[in-house]
Amino acid sequence: METKHNLNELNVSDFALVFEDLTRIFIRLPSIEKLSFTTLSVLHTLCRKSPMRLTELTANEQVTQSAITQLVTRLERDGLVERRPDPNDGRVVLVHITAQGANIIDSRRLERMKRISTFMDGLTLEEKQAIAAAMPSLRRLVELGSDS
């Protein structure tokens, strides 16, 4: 596959491959709190969108209702999330992340930031500036992806 080097044109294939590789590295970086990918994904989701209904978590995490119910039960037992009744609809239960659950995500993020900064030490000033300049576009891309 030929790589395009025209700075005015984004090669989506290159972009996807680089982000796949970066994501793989990023996911595996923290050496603390060795939890399953699905567990961490649920905690990350709840860190950003807590509280959520079980049905929302099921759709967001792309797992079965049974799987998310079992996972939330285990996370609740471990003190990482809690279920509370929805104040607007007593028939509905909302899943909230606890301070302990949020702390796991925060500590992983801090460790990840520390490790990534060591990688960035190997970049030139121009490369660092290019990444900084791309941040608004990358944030917007995340917003667009989150809406779908």
C-alpha atoms as a PDB file:
ATOM      1  CA  MET A   1       0.000   0.000   0.000  1.00  0.00           C
ATOM      2  CA  GLU A   2       1.475   3.336  -1.070  1.00  0.00           C
ATOM      3  CA  THR A   3       1.610   6.143   1.473  1.00  0.00           C
ATOM      4  CA  LYS A   4       0.547   9.618   0.402  1.00  0.00           C
ATOM      5  CA  HIS A   5       2.802  12.384   1.649  1.00  0.00           C
ATOM      6  CA  ASN A   6       0.716  15.322   0.419  1.00  0.00           C
ATOM      7  CA  LEU A   7       0.205  17.467   3.517  1.00  0.00           C
ATOM      8  CA  ASN A   8      -3.034  18.862   2.073  1.00  0.00           C
ATOM      9  CA  GLU A   9      -4.644  15.443   1.894  1.00  0.00           C
ATOM     10  CA  LEU A  10      -5.337  13.037   4.759  1.00  0.00           C
ATOM     11  CA  ASN A  11      -4.713   9.379   4.007  1.00  0.00           C
ATOM     12  CA  VAL A  12      -7.425   7.681   6.041  1.00  0.00           C
ATOM     13  CA  SER A  13      -5.733   4.298   5.755  1.00  0.00           C
ATOM     14  CA  ASP A  14      -2.475   5.630   7.228  1.00  0.00           C
ATOM     15  CA  PHE A  15      -4.409   7.476   9.903  1.00  0.00           C
ATOM     16  CA  ALA A  16      -6.350   4.346  10.913  1.00  0.00           C
ATOM     17  CA  LEU A  17      -3.233   2.159  10.997  1.00  0.00           C
ATOM     18  CA  VAL A  18      -1.254   4.634  13.109  1.00  0.00           C
ATOM     19  CA  PHE A  19      -4.133   5.031  15.553  1.00  0.00           C
ATOM     20  CA  GLU A  20      -4.614   1.269  15.784  1.00  0.00           C
ATOM     21  CA  ASP A  21      -0.944   0.891  16.676  1.00  0.00           C
ATOM     22  CA  LEU A  22      -1.015   3.809  19.098  1.00  0.00           C
ATOM     23  CA  THR A  23      -4.199   2.480  20.726  1.00  0.00           C
ATOM     24  CA  ARG A  24      -2.644  -0.958  21.179  1.00  0.00           C
ATOM     25  CA  ILE A  25       0.379   0.642  22.882  1.00  0.00           C
ATOM     26  CA  PHE A  26      -1.809   2.988  24.914  1.00  0.00           C
ATOM     27  CA  ILE A  27      -4.079   0.237  26.234  1.00  0.00           C
ATOM     28  CA  ARG A  28      -1.154  -1.879  27.385  1.00  0.00           C
ATOM     29  CA  LEU A  29       0.919   0.892  28.976  1.00  0.00           C
ATOM     30  CA  PRO A  30      -0.257   0.976  32.578  1.00  0.00           C
ATOM     31  CA  SER A  31       1.179  -1.815  34.630  1.00  0.00           C
ATOM     32  CA  ILE A  32      -1.029  -1.113  37.640  1.00  0.00           C
ATOM     33  CA  GLU A  33      -4.599  -2.282  38.175  1.00  0.00           C
ATOM     34  CA  LYS A  34      -4.515  -5.244  35.794  1.00  0.00           C
ATOM     35  CA  LEU A  35      -8.188  -5.473  34.883  1.00  0.00           C
ATOM     36  CA  SER A  36      -9.899  -6.880  31.815  1.00  0.00           C
ATOM     37  CA  PHE A  37     -10.368  -4.669  28.790  1.00  0.00           C
ATOM     38  CA  THR A  38     -14.167  -4.747  29.184  1.00  0.00           C
ATOM     39  CA  THR A  39     -13.942  -3.843  32.874  1.00  0.00           C
ATOM     40  CA  LEU A  40     -11.674  -0.903  32.107  1.00  0.00           C
ATOM     41  CA  SER A  41     -13.870   0.160  29.212  1.00  0.00           C
ATOM     42  CA  VAL A  42     -16.953   0.249  31.465  1.00  0.00           C
ATOM     43  CA  LEU A  43     -15.077   2.230  34.116  1.00  0.00           C
ATOM     44  CA  HIS A  44     -13.789   4.680  31.489  1.00  0.00           C
ATOM     45  CA  THR A  45     -17.301   5.086  30.096  1.00  0.00           C
ATOM     46  CA  LEU A  46     -18.752   5.705  33.538  1.00  0.00           C
ATOM     47  CA  CYS A  47     -15.969   8.182  34.341  1.00  0.00           C
ATOM     48  CA  ARG A  48     -17.194  10.305  31.443  1.00  0.00           C
ATOM     49  CA  LYS A  49     -20.929   9.566  31.418  1.00  0.00           C
ATOM     50  CA  SER A  50     -21.944   8.438  34.918  1.00  0.00           C
ATOM     51  CA  PRO A  51     -24.655   7.619  35.760  1.00  0.00           C
ATOM     52  CA  MET A  52     -25.943   5.322  33.036  1.00  0.00           C
ATOM     53  CA  ARG A  53     -28.697   2.768  32.649  1.00  0.00           C
ATOM     54  CA  LEU A  54     -27.637  -0.844  32.175  1.00  0.00           C
ATOM     55  CA  THR A  55     -29.209  -0.784  28.705  1.00  0.00           C
ATOM     56  CA  GLU A  56     -27.034   2.234  27.771  1.00  0.00           C
ATOM     57  CA  LEU A  57     -23.924   0.473  29.047  1.00  0.00           C
ATOM     58  CA  THR A  58     -24.866  -2.653  27.093  1.00  0.00           C
ATOM     59  CA  ALA A  59     -25.177  -0.673  23.866  1.00  0.00           C
ATOM     60  CA  ASN A  60     -22.069   1.403  24.535  1.00  0.00           C
ATOM     61  CA  GLU A  61     -19.841  -1.554  25.383  1.00  0.00           C
ATOM     62  CA  GLN A  62     -21.327  -3.795  22.684  1.00  0.00           C
ATOM     63  CA  VAL A  63     -21.829  -6.762  24.968  1.00  0.00           C
ATOM     64  CA  THR A  64     -24.927  -8.707  25.948  1.00  0.00           C
ATOM     65  CA  GLN A  65     -27.305  -7.550  28.667  1.00  0.00           C
ATOM     66  CA  SER A  66     -26.351 -10.637  30.661  1.00  0.00           C
ATOM     67  CA  ALA A  67     -22.627  -9.879  30.364  1.00  0.00           C
ATOM     68  CA  ILE A  68     -22.997  -6.264  31.453  1.00  0.00           C
ATOM     69  CA  THR A  69     -25.248  -7.263  34.362  1.00  0.00           C
ATOM     70  CA  GLN A  70     -22.641  -9.780  35.571  1.00  0.00           C
ATOM     71  CA  LEU A  71     -19.823  -7.261  35.127  1.00  0.00           C
ATOM     72  CA  VAL A  72     -21.686  -4.491  36.978  1.00  0.00           C
ATOM     73  CA  THR A  73     -22.494  -6.935  39.781  1.00  0.00           C
ATOM     74  CA  ARG A  74     -18.799  -7.790  40.103  1.00  0.00           C
ATOM     75  CA  LEU A  75     -17.760  -4.113  39.940  1.00  0.00           C
ATOM     76  CA  GLU A  76     -20.363  -3.267  42.568  1.00  0.00           C
ATOM     77  CA  ARG A  77     -19.078  -6.053  44.812  1.00  0.00           C
ATOM     78  CA  ASP A  78     -15.555  -4.662  44.394  1.00  0.00           C
ATOM     79  CA  GLY A  79     -16.743  -1.157  45.319  1.00  0.00           C
ATOM     80  CA  LEU A  80     -15.990   0.348  41.898  1.00  0.00           C
ATOM     81  CA  VAL A  81     -19.582   1.159  40.914  1.00  0.00           C
ATOM     82  CA  GLU A  82     -22.922   1.363  42.639  1.00  0.00           C
ATOM     83  CA  ARG A  83     -26.492   1.020  41.493  1.00  0.00           C
ATOM     84  CA  ARG A  84     -29.033   3.618  42.550  1.00  0.00           C
ATOM     85  CA  PRO A  85     -32.668   4.124  41.607  1.00  0.00           C
ATOM     86  CA  ASP A  86     -33.324   6.738  38.941  1.00  0.00           C
ATOM     87  CA  PRO A  87     -34.901   9.718  40.756  1.00  0.00           C
ATOM     88  CA  ASN A  88     -37.091  10.351  37.668  1.00  0.00           C
ATOM     89  CA  ASP A  89     -38.261   6.757  37.193  1.00  0.00           C
ATOM     90  CA  GLY A  90     -38.295   4.374  40.147  1.00  0.00           C
ATOM     91  CA  ARG A  91     -38.381   1.349  37.825  1.00  0.00           C
ATOM     92  CA  VAL A  92     -34.962   2.215  36.420  1.00  0.00           C
ATOM     93  CA  VAL A  93     -31.590   1.599  38.028  1.00  0.00           C
ATOM     94  CA  LEU A  94     -28.642   3.859  37.235  1.00  0.00           C
ATOM     95  CA  VAL A  95     -25.027   2.726  37.490  1.00  0.00           C
ATOM     96  CA  HIS A  96     -22.684   5.276  39.086  1.00  0.00           C
ATOM     97  CA  ILE A  97     -18.910   5.076  39.283  1.00  0.00           C
ATOM     98  CA  THR A  98     -17.588   5.320  42.840  1.00  0.00           C
ATOM     99  CA  ALA A  99     -14.604   7.351  43.983  1.00  0.00           C
ATOM    100  CA  GLN A 100     -12.617   4.100  44.124  1.00  0.00           C
ATOM    101  CA  GLY A 101     -13.560   3.263  40.520  1.00  0.00           C
ATOM    102  CA  ALA A 102     -12.699   6.782  39.326  1.00  0.00           C
ATOM    103  CA  ASN A 103      -9.385   6.548  41.170  1.00  0.00           C
ATOM    104  CA  ILE A 104      -8.428   3.473  39.135  1.00  0.00           C
ATOM    105  CA  ILE A 105      -9.027   5.359  35.899  1.00  0.00           C
ATOM    106  CA  ASP A 106      -7.222   8.460  37.177  1.00  0.00           C
ATOM    107  CA  SER A 107      -4.187   6.475  38.326  1.00  0.00           C
ATOM    108  CA  ARG A 108      -4.012   4.622  34.994  1.00  0.00           C
ATOM    109  CA  ARG A 109      -4.232   7.938  33.137  1.00  0.00           C
ATOM    110  CA  LEU A 110      -1.432   9.459  35.251  1.00  0.00           C
ATOM    111  CA  GLU A 111       0.824   6.468  34.691  1.00  0.00           C
ATOM    112  CA  ARG A 112       0.011   6.524  30.984  1.00  0.00           C
ATOM    113  CA  MET A 113       0.833  10.247  30.788  1.00  0.00           C
ATOM    114  CA  LYS A 114       4.153   9.647  32.510  1.00  0.00           C
ATOM    115  CA  ARG A 115       5.073   6.831  30.131  1.00  0.00           C
ATOM    116  CA  ILE A 116       3.906   8.687  27.000  1.00  0.00           C
ATOM    117  CA  SER A 117       5.952  11.733  28.005  1.00  0.00           C
ATOM    118  CA  THR A 118       9.074   9.563  27.910  1.00  0.00           C
ATOM    119  CA  PHE A 119       8.175   8.529  24.342  1.00  0.00           C
ATOM    120  CA  MET A 120       7.635  12.175  23.433  1.00  0.00           C
ATOM    121  CA  ASP A 121      11.136  13.007  24.621  1.00  0.00           C
ATOM    122  CA  GLY A 122      12.279  11.243  21.448  1.00  0.00           C
ATOM    123  CA  LEU A 123      10.324  13.626  19.199  1.00  0.00           C
ATOM    124  CA  THR A 124      11.724  16.747  17.620  1.00  0.00           C
ATOM    125  CA  LEU A 125      10.287  20.137  18.535  1.00  0.00           C
ATOM    126  CA  GLU A 126       8.573  20.240  15.125  1.00  0.00           C
ATOM    127  CA  GLU A 127       6.955  16.827  15.712  1.00  0.00           C
ATOM    128  CA  LYS A 128       5.694  17.924  19.124  1.00  0.00           C
ATOM    129  CA  GLN A 129       4.321  21.136  17.613  1.00  0.00           C
ATOM    130  CA  ALA A 130       2.576  19.161  14.859  1.00  0.00           C
ATOM    131  CA  ILE A 131       0.872  16.935  17.440  1.00  0.00           C
ATOM    132  CA  ALA A 132      -0.142  19.992  19.493  1.00  0.00           C
ATOM    133  CA  ALA A 133      -1.552  21.650  16.358  1.00  0.00           C
ATOM    134  CA  ALA A 134      -3.586  18.504  15.566  1.00  0.00           C
ATOM    135  CA  MET A 135      -5.220  18.310  19.022  1.00  0.00           C
ATOM    136  CA  PRO A 136      -8.312  20.454  18.214  1.00  0.00           C
ATOM    137  CA  SER A 137      -9.004  18.377  15.098  1.00  0.00           C
ATOM    138  CA  LEU A 138      -8.512  15.112  17.006  1.00  0.00           C
ATOM    139  CA  ARG A 139     -10.899  16.297  19.746  1.00  0.00           C
ATOM    140  CA  ARG A 140     -13.453  17.176  17.079  1.00  0.00           C
ATOM    141  CA  LEU A 141     -12.998  13.754  15.499  1.00  0.00           C
ATOM    142  CA  VAL A 142     -13.734  12.178  18.910  1.00  0.00           C
ATOM    143  CA  GLU A 143     -16.888  14.302  19.193  1.00  0.00           C
ATOM    144  CA  LEU A 144     -18.056  13.228  15.753  1.00  0.00           C
ATOM    145  CA  GLY A 145     -17.336   9.579  16.563  1.00  0.00           C
ATOM    146  CA  SER A 146     -19.142   9.824  19.894  1.00  0.00           C
ATOM    147  CA  ASP A 147     -22.276  11.110  18.186  1.00  0.00           C
ATOM    148  CA  SER A 148     -22.610   8.016  16.005  1.00  0.00           C
END
